[in-house]
N, C-alpha and C. Protein backbone atom coordinates (compact mmCIF):
# COMPACT_ATOMS: atom_id res chain seq x y z
N UNK A 1 -58.07 5.41 -101.39
CA UNK A 1 -56.64 5.33 -101.13
C UNK A 1 -56.21 6.48 -100.20
N UNK A 2 -56.74 7.64 -100.47
CA UNK A 2 -56.43 8.79 -99.64
C UNK A 2 -56.87 8.57 -98.20
N UNK A 3 -57.97 7.87 -98.03
CA UNK A 3 -58.49 7.55 -96.70
C UNK A 3 -57.52 6.64 -95.95
N UNK A 4 -56.93 5.71 -96.64
CA UNK A 4 -55.98 4.79 -96.02
C UNK A 4 -54.72 5.53 -95.61
N UNK A 5 -54.27 6.46 -96.42
CA UNK A 5 -53.07 7.24 -96.12
C UNK A 5 -53.31 8.06 -94.85
N UNK A 6 -54.48 8.70 -94.72
CA UNK A 6 -54.79 9.48 -93.53
C UNK A 6 -54.83 8.59 -92.28
N UNK A 7 -55.42 7.41 -92.46
CA UNK A 7 -55.51 6.49 -91.31
C UNK A 7 -54.12 6.02 -90.88
N UNK A 8 -53.24 5.77 -91.84
CA UNK A 8 -51.87 5.34 -91.52
C UNK A 8 -51.13 6.47 -90.82
N UNK A 9 -51.32 7.69 -91.29
CA UNK A 9 -50.68 8.85 -90.66
C UNK A 9 -51.15 8.98 -89.20
N UNK A 10 -52.45 8.82 -88.96
CA UNK A 10 -52.96 8.89 -87.59
C UNK A 10 -52.40 7.76 -86.74
N UNK A 11 -52.27 6.60 -87.32
CA UNK A 11 -51.69 5.46 -86.58
C UNK A 11 -50.23 5.73 -86.24
N UNK A 12 -49.49 6.29 -87.19
CA UNK A 12 -48.09 6.63 -86.93
C UNK A 12 -47.98 7.68 -85.82
N UNK A 13 -48.85 8.67 -85.86
CA UNK A 13 -48.85 9.71 -84.83
C UNK A 13 -49.19 9.10 -83.47
N UNK A 14 -50.19 8.26 -83.45
CA UNK A 14 -50.58 7.61 -82.20
C UNK A 14 -49.46 6.70 -81.70
N UNK A 15 -48.78 6.04 -82.60
CA UNK A 15 -47.67 5.16 -82.22
C UNK A 15 -46.53 5.97 -81.64
N UNK A 16 -46.25 7.13 -82.20
CA UNK A 16 -45.20 8.01 -81.67
C UNK A 16 -45.56 8.48 -80.27
N UNK A 17 -46.79 8.89 -80.07
CA UNK A 17 -47.25 9.31 -78.75
C UNK A 17 -47.15 8.16 -77.75
N UNK A 18 -47.52 6.98 -78.20
CA UNK A 18 -47.47 5.81 -77.33
C UNK A 18 -46.03 5.50 -76.93
N UNK A 19 -45.12 5.62 -77.87
CA UNK A 19 -43.70 5.39 -77.56
C UNK A 19 -43.19 6.40 -76.54
N UNK A 20 -43.56 7.69 -76.71
CA UNK A 20 -43.14 8.72 -75.77
C UNK A 20 -43.70 8.42 -74.37
N UNK A 21 -44.96 8.04 -74.29
CA UNK A 21 -45.56 7.71 -73.00
C UNK A 21 -44.88 6.49 -72.38
N UNK A 22 -44.51 5.52 -73.22
CA UNK A 22 -43.82 4.33 -72.72
C UNK A 22 -42.45 4.69 -72.15
N UNK A 23 -41.74 5.60 -72.82
CA UNK A 23 -40.44 6.05 -72.31
C UNK A 23 -40.63 6.74 -70.96
N UNK A 24 -41.65 7.60 -70.84
CA UNK A 24 -41.92 8.27 -69.56
C UNK A 24 -42.22 7.26 -68.47
N UNK A 25 -43.09 6.31 -68.78
CA UNK A 25 -43.46 5.30 -67.78
C UNK A 25 -42.27 4.43 -67.40
N UNK A 26 -41.45 4.09 -68.36
CA UNK A 26 -40.26 3.28 -68.07
C UNK A 26 -39.31 4.02 -67.14
N UNK A 27 -39.15 5.32 -67.41
CA UNK A 27 -38.28 6.14 -66.56
C UNK A 27 -38.83 6.22 -65.15
N UNK A 28 -40.13 6.44 -65.02
CA UNK A 28 -40.75 6.53 -63.70
C UNK A 28 -40.71 5.20 -62.96
N UNK A 29 -40.84 4.12 -63.70
CA UNK A 29 -40.91 2.81 -63.04
C UNK A 29 -39.57 2.41 -62.40
N UNK A 30 -38.49 3.06 -62.79
CA UNK A 30 -37.19 2.75 -62.19
C UNK A 30 -37.15 3.18 -60.73
N UNK A 31 -37.98 4.16 -60.37
CA UNK A 31 -37.98 4.62 -58.98
C UNK A 31 -39.06 3.95 -58.14
N UNK A 32 -39.81 3.02 -58.70
CA UNK A 32 -40.82 2.31 -57.93
C UNK A 32 -40.15 1.39 -56.92
N UNK A 33 -40.82 1.19 -55.81
CA UNK A 33 -40.29 0.33 -54.75
C UNK A 33 -41.01 -1.00 -54.81
N UNK A 34 -40.23 -2.06 -54.69
CA UNK A 34 -40.83 -3.39 -54.68
C UNK A 34 -41.00 -3.85 -53.24
N UNK A 35 -41.73 -4.92 -53.07
CA UNK A 35 -41.95 -5.47 -51.73
C UNK A 35 -40.61 -5.92 -51.14
N UNK A 36 -39.75 -6.46 -51.97
CA UNK A 36 -38.42 -6.90 -51.51
C UNK A 36 -37.62 -5.71 -50.99
N UNK A 37 -37.69 -4.58 -51.72
CA UNK A 37 -36.98 -3.38 -51.27
C UNK A 37 -37.49 -2.92 -49.91
N UNK A 38 -38.80 -2.94 -49.75
CA UNK A 38 -39.39 -2.51 -48.48
C UNK A 38 -38.97 -3.44 -47.34
N UNK A 39 -39.01 -4.74 -47.58
CA UNK A 39 -38.61 -5.70 -46.55
C UNK A 39 -37.13 -5.54 -46.19
N UNK A 40 -36.31 -5.29 -47.19
CA UNK A 40 -34.89 -5.08 -46.95
C UNK A 40 -34.66 -3.81 -46.12
N UNK A 41 -35.34 -2.74 -46.49
CA UNK A 41 -35.21 -1.49 -45.75
C UNK A 41 -35.73 -1.65 -44.32
N UNK A 42 -36.80 -2.39 -44.17
CA UNK A 42 -37.37 -2.63 -42.84
C UNK A 42 -36.36 -3.38 -41.97
N UNK A 43 -35.72 -4.40 -42.55
CA UNK A 43 -34.70 -5.15 -41.81
C UNK A 43 -33.53 -4.27 -41.42
N UNK A 44 -33.08 -3.42 -42.33
CA UNK A 44 -31.96 -2.52 -42.04
C UNK A 44 -32.33 -1.54 -40.93
N UNK A 45 -33.55 -1.02 -40.98
CA UNK A 45 -34.00 -0.09 -39.94
C UNK A 45 -34.10 -0.77 -38.58
N UNK A 46 -34.60 -2.01 -38.58
CA UNK A 46 -34.68 -2.75 -37.31
C UNK A 46 -33.29 -2.98 -36.73
N UNK A 47 -32.34 -3.33 -37.58
CA UNK A 47 -30.97 -3.54 -37.12
C UNK A 47 -30.38 -2.25 -36.55
N UNK A 48 -30.58 -1.15 -37.26
CA UNK A 48 -30.05 0.13 -36.80
C UNK A 48 -30.71 0.54 -35.48
N UNK A 49 -32.01 0.30 -35.37
CA UNK A 49 -32.72 0.63 -34.14
C UNK A 49 -32.23 -0.22 -32.98
N UNK A 50 -32.00 -1.50 -33.24
CA UNK A 50 -31.50 -2.40 -32.20
C UNK A 50 -30.13 -1.95 -31.71
N UNK A 51 -29.26 -1.57 -32.64
CA UNK A 51 -27.93 -1.10 -32.27
C UNK A 51 -28.03 0.17 -31.45
N UNK A 52 -28.92 1.08 -31.86
CA UNK A 52 -29.11 2.33 -31.13
C UNK A 52 -29.64 2.07 -29.73
N UNK A 53 -30.61 1.17 -29.60
CA UNK A 53 -31.16 0.84 -28.29
C UNK A 53 -30.09 0.24 -27.39
N UNK A 54 -29.29 -0.65 -27.94
CA UNK A 54 -28.23 -1.27 -27.14
C UNK A 54 -27.22 -0.23 -26.68
N UNK A 55 -26.90 0.73 -27.54
CA UNK A 55 -25.95 1.78 -27.16
C UNK A 55 -26.53 2.65 -26.05
N UNK A 56 -27.80 2.99 -26.14
CA UNK A 56 -28.44 3.81 -25.11
C UNK A 56 -28.47 3.06 -23.78
N UNK A 57 -28.84 1.79 -23.83
CA UNK A 57 -28.89 0.98 -22.60
C UNK A 57 -27.51 0.88 -21.98
N UNK A 58 -26.48 0.70 -22.80
CA UNK A 58 -25.11 0.62 -22.27
C UNK A 58 -24.72 1.93 -21.59
N UNK A 59 -25.05 3.07 -22.21
CA UNK A 59 -24.71 4.36 -21.61
C UNK A 59 -25.43 4.55 -20.28
N UNK A 60 -26.70 4.16 -20.23
CA UNK A 60 -27.46 4.29 -18.98
C UNK A 60 -26.86 3.40 -17.91
N UNK A 61 -26.52 2.14 -18.27
CA UNK A 61 -25.89 1.23 -17.31
C UNK A 61 -24.58 1.79 -16.78
N UNK A 62 -23.76 2.32 -17.69
CA UNK A 62 -22.49 2.90 -17.27
C UNK A 62 -22.70 4.08 -16.32
N UNK A 63 -23.70 4.89 -16.62
CA UNK A 63 -23.99 6.05 -15.77
C UNK A 63 -24.42 5.60 -14.37
N UNK A 64 -25.28 4.59 -14.31
CA UNK A 64 -25.71 4.10 -13.01
C UNK A 64 -24.56 3.45 -12.23
N UNK A 65 -23.65 2.81 -12.94
CA UNK A 65 -22.48 2.24 -12.26
C UNK A 65 -21.64 3.35 -11.63
N UNK A 66 -21.47 4.44 -12.38
CA UNK A 66 -20.72 5.59 -11.85
C UNK A 66 -21.41 6.15 -10.61
N UNK A 67 -22.72 6.29 -10.67
CA UNK A 67 -23.47 6.82 -9.53
C UNK A 67 -23.35 5.89 -8.33
N UNK A 68 -23.46 4.58 -8.56
CA UNK A 68 -23.34 3.61 -7.47
C UNK A 68 -21.96 3.66 -6.83
N UNK A 69 -20.92 3.78 -7.66
CA UNK A 69 -19.56 3.86 -7.13
C UNK A 69 -19.38 5.11 -6.29
N UNK A 70 -19.91 6.23 -6.75
CA UNK A 70 -19.80 7.47 -5.98
C UNK A 70 -20.57 7.36 -4.67
N UNK A 71 -21.76 6.75 -4.72
CA UNK A 71 -22.56 6.59 -3.51
C UNK A 71 -21.84 5.68 -2.51
N UNK A 72 -21.25 4.60 -2.99
CA UNK A 72 -20.49 3.70 -2.11
C UNK A 72 -19.31 4.44 -1.49
N UNK A 73 -18.65 5.25 -2.25
CA UNK A 73 -17.50 6.01 -1.75
C UNK A 73 -17.96 6.95 -0.64
N UNK A 74 -19.07 7.63 -0.85
CA UNK A 74 -19.57 8.57 0.15
C UNK A 74 -19.98 7.84 1.42
N UNK A 75 -20.64 6.71 1.29
CA UNK A 75 -21.06 5.96 2.49
C UNK A 75 -19.84 5.44 3.24
N UNK A 76 -18.91 4.89 2.50
CA UNK A 76 -17.76 4.27 3.15
C UNK A 76 -16.75 5.25 3.71
N UNK A 77 -16.62 6.40 3.11
CA UNK A 77 -15.58 7.33 3.55
C UNK A 77 -16.11 8.58 4.25
N UNK A 78 -17.40 8.85 4.14
CA UNK A 78 -17.93 10.07 4.73
C UNK A 78 -19.03 9.76 5.75
N UNK A 79 -20.10 9.13 5.30
CA UNK A 79 -21.30 8.99 6.13
C UNK A 79 -21.06 8.09 7.34
N UNK A 80 -20.52 6.91 7.12
CA UNK A 80 -20.33 5.97 8.24
C UNK A 80 -19.33 6.52 9.27
N UNK A 81 -18.14 6.98 8.87
CA UNK A 81 -17.23 7.54 9.88
C UNK A 81 -17.82 8.75 10.60
N UNK A 82 -18.53 9.60 9.90
CA UNK A 82 -19.15 10.75 10.52
C UNK A 82 -20.22 10.32 11.53
N UNK A 83 -21.00 9.32 11.14
CA UNK A 83 -22.03 8.80 12.06
C UNK A 83 -21.39 8.21 13.31
N UNK A 84 -20.31 7.47 13.15
CA UNK A 84 -19.61 6.88 14.30
C UNK A 84 -19.06 7.99 15.20
N UNK A 85 -18.51 9.03 14.58
CA UNK A 85 -17.99 10.16 15.35
C UNK A 85 -19.09 10.86 16.13
N UNK A 86 -20.23 11.12 15.50
CA UNK A 86 -21.36 11.77 16.17
C UNK A 86 -21.88 10.89 17.30
N UNK A 87 -21.99 9.58 17.05
CA UNK A 87 -22.45 8.66 18.09
C UNK A 87 -21.48 8.68 19.26
N UNK A 88 -20.19 8.75 19.00
CA UNK A 88 -19.19 8.82 20.08
C UNK A 88 -19.33 10.09 20.89
N UNK A 89 -19.54 11.21 20.21
CA UNK A 89 -19.71 12.48 20.91
C UNK A 89 -20.98 12.44 21.76
N UNK A 90 -22.07 11.91 21.20
CA UNK A 90 -23.32 11.81 21.96
C UNK A 90 -23.15 10.91 23.18
N UNK A 91 -22.46 9.79 22.99
CA UNK A 91 -22.23 8.89 24.12
C UNK A 91 -21.40 9.58 25.19
N UNK A 92 -20.40 10.33 24.79
CA UNK A 92 -19.57 11.06 25.75
C UNK A 92 -20.39 12.10 26.49
N UNK A 93 -21.24 12.83 25.75
CA UNK A 93 -22.10 13.84 26.38
C UNK A 93 -23.10 13.20 27.35
N UNK A 94 -23.67 12.09 26.96
CA UNK A 94 -24.63 11.40 27.83
C UNK A 94 -23.94 10.88 29.10
N UNK A 95 -22.77 10.31 28.93
CA UNK A 95 -22.03 9.80 30.08
C UNK A 95 -21.65 10.95 30.99
N UNK A 96 -21.20 12.05 30.42
CA UNK A 96 -20.82 13.21 31.21
C UNK A 96 -22.03 13.82 31.91
N UNK A 97 -23.14 13.84 31.27
CA UNK A 97 -24.35 14.43 31.83
C UNK A 97 -24.91 13.59 32.98
N UNK A 98 -24.93 12.28 32.81
CA UNK A 98 -25.48 11.42 33.84
C UNK A 98 -24.47 11.12 34.94
N UNK A 99 -23.21 11.33 34.70
CA UNK A 99 -22.18 11.09 35.72
C UNK A 99 -22.19 12.21 36.75
N UNK A 100 -22.57 13.34 36.36
CA UNK A 100 -22.49 14.46 37.29
C UNK A 100 -23.64 14.57 38.23
């Protein structure tokens, strides 16, 4: 009879330890990631990356438009009239040089 009592006590002790380990494992398992969680996070990251890429491309396009507008302004208001003026002066000098 005494042997049975000792065995029951050991079983109770082992059961208590098992319950404590189960509580620890249950607590840890709440932070585990499932395949669904990973797929969801992957989709969210892809969406965020796509939005970021689109924003960067838009900024680059806007910057190039600004550069193109400035270049057109310089050609139309500075370079072409200046070239015409220089060509006129050269033509006048050539005519004056060969006329004499």
